[in-house]
C-alpha atoms as a PDB file:
ATOM      1  CA  MET A   1     -59.157  -0.702  44.802  1.00  0.00           C
ATOM      2  CA  ALA A   2     -58.170   2.818  43.362  1.00  0.00           C
ATOM      3  CA  THR A   3     -57.598   4.431  46.403  1.00  0.00           C
ATOM      4  CA  GLY A   4     -56.276   8.069  46.525  1.00  0.00           C
ATOM      5  CA  ASN A   5     -55.177   8.707  49.886  1.00  0.00           C
ATOM      6  CA  LEU A   6     -52.349   6.544  50.293  1.00  0.00           C
ATOM      7  CA  GLY A   7     -48.992   8.125  51.286  1.00  0.00           C
ATOM      8  CA  CYS A   8     -46.742   5.390  51.615  1.00  0.00           C
ATOM      9  CA  VAL A   9     -47.047   1.505  50.397  1.00  0.00           C
ATOM     10  CA  VAL A  10     -44.564  -1.048  50.938  1.00  0.00           C
ATOM     11  CA  VAL A  11     -44.300  -3.604  48.448  1.00  0.00           C
ATOM     12  CA  ALA A  12     -41.830  -6.581  49.917  1.00  0.00           C
ATOM     13  CA  VAL A  13     -40.022  -8.420  46.841  1.00  0.00           C
ATOM     14  CA  ASP A  14     -37.853 -11.368  47.303  1.00  0.00           C
ATOM     15  CA  GLY A  15     -37.492 -12.292  43.586  1.00  0.00           C
ATOM     16  CA  SER A  16     -40.262 -15.016  44.185  1.00  0.00           C
ATOM     17  CA  GLU A  17     -43.007 -15.142  41.149  1.00  0.00           C
ATOM     18  CA  GLN A  18     -45.225 -14.078  43.784  1.00  0.00           C
ATOM     19  CA  SER A  19     -43.762 -11.256  45.267  1.00  0.00           C
ATOM     20  CA  MET A  20     -43.551  -9.832  41.480  1.00  0.00           C
ATOM     21  CA  SER A  21     -46.822 -10.499  41.023  1.00  0.00           C
ATOM     22  CA  ALA A  22     -47.447  -8.651  44.477  1.00  0.00           C
ATOM     23  CA  LEU A  23     -45.840  -5.355  42.772  1.00  0.00           C
ATOM     24  CA  ARG A  24     -47.739  -5.498  39.465  1.00  0.00           C
ATOM     25  CA  TRP A  25     -50.896  -5.871  41.603  1.00  0.00           C
ATOM     26  CA  ALA A  26     -49.701  -2.943  43.666  1.00  0.00           C
ATOM     27  CA  LEU A  27     -48.891  -0.767  40.472  1.00  0.00           C
ATOM     28  CA  GLN A  28     -51.921  -1.589  38.839  1.00  0.00           C
ATOM     29  CA  ASN A  29     -54.685  -1.332  41.321  1.00  0.00           C
ATOM     30  CA  LEU A  30     -53.467   1.040  43.973  1.00  0.00           C
ATOM     31  CA  ARG A  31     -53.244   5.081  43.401  1.00  0.00           C
ATOM     32  CA  LEU A  32     -51.420   7.236  45.775  1.00  0.00           C
ATOM     33  CA  ARG A  33     -51.754  10.677  47.307  1.00  0.00           C
ATOM     34  CA  SER A  34     -51.210  13.192  45.161  1.00  0.00           C
ATOM     35  CA  PRO A  35     -49.954  16.696  46.153  1.00  0.00           C
ATOM     36  CA  GLY A  36     -52.523  18.579  47.837  1.00  0.00           C
ATOM     37  CA  ASP A  37     -54.932  16.465  47.991  1.00  0.00           C
ATOM     38  CA  GLY A  38     -57.787  16.943  50.911  1.00  0.00           C
ATOM     39  CA  ASP A  39     -58.116  19.745  52.802  1.00  0.00           C
ATOM     40  CA  SER A  40     -54.542  20.380  53.641  1.00  0.00           C
ATOM     41  CA  PRO A  41     -51.388  20.380  51.410  1.00  0.00           C
ATOM     42  CA  ALA A  42     -49.326  17.020  51.992  1.00  0.00           C
ATOM     43  CA  GLU A  43     -46.688  15.002  49.856  1.00  0.00           C
ATOM     44  CA  PRO A  44     -47.354  12.776  47.295  1.00  0.00           C
ATOM     45  CA  GLY A  45     -47.544   9.406  48.118  1.00  0.00           C
ATOM     46  CA  ARG A  46     -44.915   6.798  47.397  1.00  0.00           C
ATOM     47  CA  PHE A  47     -44.236   3.439  46.868  1.00  0.00           C
ATOM     48  CA  VAL A  48     -41.314   1.491  48.675  1.00  0.00           C
ATOM     49  CA  VAL A  49     -40.073  -1.724  46.918  1.00  0.00           C
ATOM     50  CA  LEU A  50     -38.143  -3.508  49.763  1.00  0.00           C
ATOM     51  CA  HIS A  51     -35.651  -6.395  49.797  1.00  0.00           C
ATOM     52  CA  VAL A  52     -34.468  -8.232  52.968  1.00  0.00           C
ATOM     53  CA  GLN A  53     -31.570 -10.311  52.298  1.00  0.00           C
ATOM     54  CA  ALA A  54     -30.738 -12.995  54.678  1.00  0.00           C
ATOM     55  CA  PRO A  55     -27.462 -12.753  57.232  1.00  0.00           C
ATOM     56  CA  PRO A  56     -24.827 -14.232  55.088  1.00  0.00           C
ATOM     57  CA  SER A  57     -24.638 -17.141  57.789  1.00  0.00           C
ATOM     58  CA  ILE A  58     -28.421 -18.065  57.129  1.00  0.00           C
ATOM     59  CA  ALA A  59     -27.578 -17.651  53.425  1.00  0.00           C
ATOM     60  CA  ALA A  60     -24.888 -20.255  53.476  1.00  0.00           C
ATOM     61  CA  GLY A  61     -27.287 -22.635  55.215  1.00  0.00           C
ATOM     62  CA  LEU A  62     -23.669 -23.878  56.955  1.00  0.00           C
ATOM     63  CA  ASN A  63     -21.002 -22.787  58.734  1.00  0.00           C
ATOM     64  CA  PRO A  64     -17.497 -23.077  57.335  1.00  0.00           C
ATOM     65  CA  GLY A  65     -16.582 -25.209  60.200  1.00  0.00           C
ATOM     66  CA  SER A  66     -13.614 -25.317  62.027  1.00  0.00           C
ATOM     67  CA  ILE A  67     -10.090 -24.385  60.978  1.00  0.00           C
ATOM     68  CA  PRO A  68      -8.446 -28.041  59.549  1.00  0.00           C
ATOM     69  CA  PHE A  69      -5.778 -29.264  62.023  1.00  0.00           C
ATOM     70  CA  GLY A  70      -6.991 -28.075  65.041  1.00  0.00           C
ATOM     71  CA  GLY A  71      -8.008 -24.778  64.778  1.00  0.00           C
ATOM     72  CA  PRO A  72     -10.609 -23.023  66.459  1.00  0.00           C
ATOM     73  CA  SER A  73     -14.397 -23.494  65.613  1.00  0.00           C
ATOM     74  CA  TYR A  74     -15.058 -20.207  66.423  1.00  0.00           C
ATOM     75  CA  VAL A  75     -13.054 -18.225  63.550  1.00  0.00           C
ATOM     76  CA  GLU A  76     -15.108 -16.849  61.037  1.00  0.00           C
ATOM     77  CA  VAL A  77     -13.597 -17.045  57.662  1.00  0.00           C
ATOM     78  CA  PRO A  78     -13.509 -14.047  56.019  1.00  0.00           C
ATOM     79  CA  ALA A  79     -13.052 -15.203  52.441  1.00  0.00           C
ATOM     80  CA  PHE A  80     -16.448 -17.233  52.893  1.00  0.00           C
ATOM     81  CA  THR A  81     -18.333 -14.437  54.370  1.00  0.00           C
ATOM     82  CA  ALA A  82     -17.073 -12.262  51.519  1.00  0.00           C
ATOM     83  CA  ALA A  83     -17.942 -14.757  48.750  1.00  0.00           C
ATOM     84  CA  ILE A  84     -21.462 -14.999  50.387  1.00  0.00           C
ATOM     85  CA  GLU A  85     -22.279 -11.211  50.480  1.00  0.00           C
ATOM     86  CA  ALA A  86     -20.824 -10.624  47.064  1.00  0.00           C
ATOM     87  CA  HIS A  87     -23.127 -13.171  45.795  1.00  0.00           C
ATOM     88  CA  GLN A  88     -26.002 -11.815  47.756  1.00  0.00           C
ATOM     89  CA  ARG A  89     -25.520  -8.459  46.504  1.00  0.00           C
ATOM     90  CA  ARG A  90     -25.591  -9.607  43.114  1.00  0.00           C
ATOM     91  CA  ILE A  91     -28.984 -11.607  43.561  1.00  0.00           C
ATOM     92  CA  THR A  92     -30.468  -8.519  45.367  1.00  0.00           C
ATOM     93  CA  ASP A  93     -29.302  -6.279  42.243  1.00  0.00           C
ATOM     94  CA  ALA A  94     -31.130  -8.607  39.845  1.00  0.00           C
ATOM     95  CA  ILE A  95     -34.408  -8.575  42.166  1.00  0.00           C
ATOM     96  CA  LEU A  96     -34.432  -4.875  42.287  1.00  0.00           C
ATOM     97  CA  ALA A  97     -33.678  -4.372  38.646  1.00  0.00           C
ATOM     98  CA  HIS A  98     -36.522  -6.955  37.979  1.00  0.00           C
ATOM     99  CA  ALA A  99     -38.699  -4.884  40.145  1.00  0.00           C
ATOM    100  CA  LEU A 100     -37.862  -1.519  38.886  1.00  0.00           C
ATOM    101  CA  GLN A 101     -38.625  -2.355  35.163  1.00  0.00           C
ATOM    102  CA  PHE A 102     -42.006  -3.096  36.342  1.00  0.00           C
ATOM    103  CA  CYS A 103     -42.184   0.323  37.526  1.00  0.00           C
ATOM    104  CA  LYS A 104     -40.892   1.887  34.357  1.00  0.00           C
ATOM    105  CA  ASP A 105     -42.966  -0.063  32.397  1.00  0.00           C
ATOM    106  CA  LYS A 106     -45.901   1.317  34.740  1.00  0.00           C
ATOM    107  CA  ASN A 107     -44.197   4.904  34.368  1.00  0.00           C
ATOM    108  CA  VAL A 108     -44.281   4.818  38.152  1.00  0.00           C
ATOM    109  CA  SER A 109     -41.308   6.107  40.455  1.00  0.00           C
ATOM    110  CA  VAL A 110     -40.754   4.226  43.262  1.00  0.00           C
ATOM    111  CA  SER A 111     -37.743   4.323  46.086  1.00  0.00           C
ATOM    112  CA  THR A 112     -35.892   0.880  47.049  1.00  0.00           C
ATOM    113  CA  GLN A 113     -34.447  -0.029  50.455  1.00  0.00           C
ATOM    114  CA  VAL A 114     -32.395  -3.099  51.307  1.00  0.00           C
ATOM    115  CA  LEU A 115     -31.791  -4.806  54.613  1.00  0.00           C
ATOM    116  CA  ILE A 116     -29.985  -7.561  55.579  1.00  0.00           C
ATOM    117  CA  GLY A 117     -31.753  -9.764  58.653  1.00  0.00           C
ATOM    118  CA  ASP A 118     -34.578 -11.976  59.086  1.00  0.00           C
ATOM    119  CA  PRO A 119     -37.197 -10.728  56.636  1.00  0.00           C
ATOM    120  CA  LYS A 120     -40.331 -11.331  58.510  1.00  0.00           C
ATOM    121  CA  GLU A 121     -38.514  -8.922  61.021  1.00  0.00           C
ATOM    122  CA  LYS A 122     -37.300  -6.498  58.741  1.00  0.00           C
ATOM    123  CA  ILE A 123     -40.353  -6.060  56.805  1.00  0.00           C
ATOM    124  CA  CYS A 124     -42.655  -5.331  60.033  1.00  0.00           C
ATOM    125  CA  GLU A 125     -39.780  -2.645  61.119  1.00  0.00           C
ATOM    126  CA  VAL A 126     -39.857  -0.975  58.043  1.00  0.00           C
ATOM    127  CA  THR A 127     -43.614  -0.444  57.511  1.00  0.00           C
ATOM    128  CA  ALA A 128     -43.640   0.747  61.305  1.00  0.00           C
ATOM    129  CA  ASP A 129     -40.328   3.353  60.485  1.00  0.00           C
ATOM    130  CA  LEU A 130     -42.152   4.623  57.420  1.00  0.00           C
ATOM    131  CA  CYS A 131     -45.639   4.386  59.021  1.00  0.00           C
ATOM    132  CA  ALA A 132     -46.828   2.617  55.891  1.00  0.00           C
ATOM    133  CA  ASP A 133     -50.258   3.041  54.918  1.00  0.00           C
ATOM    134  CA  LEU A 134     -50.193  -0.395  53.402  1.00  0.00           C
ATOM    135  CA  LEU A 135     -48.085  -3.573  53.263  1.00  0.00           C
ATOM    136  CA  VAL A 136     -48.102  -5.459  49.765  1.00  0.00           C
ATOM    137  CA  MET A 137     -46.498  -8.960  49.507  1.00  0.00           C
ATOM    138  CA  GLY A 138     -47.033 -12.281  48.086  1.00  0.00           C
ATOM    139  CA  CYS A 139     -47.150 -15.555  49.683  1.00  0.00           C
ATOM    140  CA  ARG A 140     -45.622 -18.875  48.302  1.00  0.00           C
ATOM    141  CA  ALA A 141     -48.345 -21.996  48.456  1.00  0.00           C
ATOM    142  CA  PHE A 142     -46.548 -23.845  50.746  1.00  0.00           C
ATOM    143  CA  SER A 143     -48.105 -26.924  52.264  1.00  0.00           C
ATOM    144  CA  GLN A 144     -49.054 -27.094  55.869  1.00  0.00           C
ATOM    145  CA  ILE A 145     -45.838 -28.860  56.539  1.00  0.00           C
ATOM    146  CA  LYS A 146     -43.438 -26.865  54.768  1.00  0.00           C
ATOM    147  CA  ARG A 147     -45.300 -23.771  56.239  1.00  0.00           C
ATOM    148  CA  LEU A 148     -45.170 -25.517  59.924  1.00  0.00           C
ATOM    149  CA  PHE A 149     -41.240 -26.086  59.399  1.00  0.00           C
ATOM    150  CA  LEU A 150     -40.494 -22.830  57.126  1.00  0.00           C
ATOM    151  CA  GLY A 151     -42.954 -20.393  58.782  1.00  0.00           C
ATOM    152  CA  SER A 152     -44.554 -18.194  56.967  1.00  0.00           C
ATOM    153  CA  VAL A 153     -43.160 -14.562  56.354  1.00  0.00           C
ATOM    154  CA  SER A 154     -46.649 -13.295  55.329  1.00  0.00           C
ATOM    155  CA  ASN A 155     -48.559 -14.709  58.235  1.00  0.00           C
ATOM    156  CA  TYR A 156     -46.305 -13.315  60.362  1.00  0.00           C
ATOM    157  CA  CYS A 157     -46.361  -9.725  58.911  1.00  0.00           C
ATOM    158  CA  VAL A 158     -49.892 -10.118  58.619  1.00  0.00           C
ATOM    159  CA  ASN A 159     -50.399 -10.475  62.507  1.00  0.00           C
ATOM    160  CA  HIS A 160     -47.369  -8.197  63.348  1.00  0.00           C
ATOM    161  CA  VAL A 161     -47.607  -4.913  61.365  1.00  0.00           C
ATOM    162  CA  ALA A 162     -50.007  -2.138  62.137  1.00  0.00           C
ATOM    163  CA  CYS A 163     -51.333  -1.137  58.744  1.00  0.00           C
ATOM    164  CA  PRO A 164     -53.603  -3.352  56.443  1.00  0.00           C
ATOM    165  CA  VAL A 165     -51.668  -6.176  54.304  1.00  0.00           C
ATOM    166  CA  VAL A 166     -52.570  -7.347  51.018  1.00  0.00           C
ATOM    167  CA  VAL A 167     -51.548 -10.748  50.290  1.00  0.00           C
ATOM    168  CA  ILE A 168     -51.244 -11.783  46.581  1.00  0.00           C
ATOM    169  CA  LYS A 169     -51.156 -15.873  46.742  1.00  0.00           C
ATOM    170  CA  GLY A 170     -49.301 -18.009  44.652  1.00  0.00           C
ATOM    171  CA  THR A 171     -49.560 -21.283  43.262  1.00  0.00           C
ATOM    172  CA  ASN A 172     -47.575 -24.468  43.834  1.00  0.00           C
END
């Protein structure tokens, strides 16, 4: 699939092998628009590597709970949140470094975006905001039971973005 008219390709990465396979596939199989392609001069195409972090409360998988000895349960513990945010930044940095190494190996220049929120919603927002021509993402091979409870980010995106979506499937 060597298309040459793609202006913006968003590749969603989450650190999984499937998302990295999706990035490799995009870099190997897609050709972006070159400056001046077609009848009118245009900006060159670009790859955008997108990573969405879960909000700290979701990333923790729990609430630190109420302050001991009768403290209010609605008070957030700043140190707990700061520690989670710092940990997420380290994970994001590692994911992007890994992704950017693929790009460097293929001699492809990309831009990156990091957002915080629900991955399926943020991926859809970014593809709309960038007027993406294509979204490329991985898909973990969850069983139907896991997919029922966890949801499928790729399935959601396929049904909610305006541009075509390429899903690179993984194996168990």
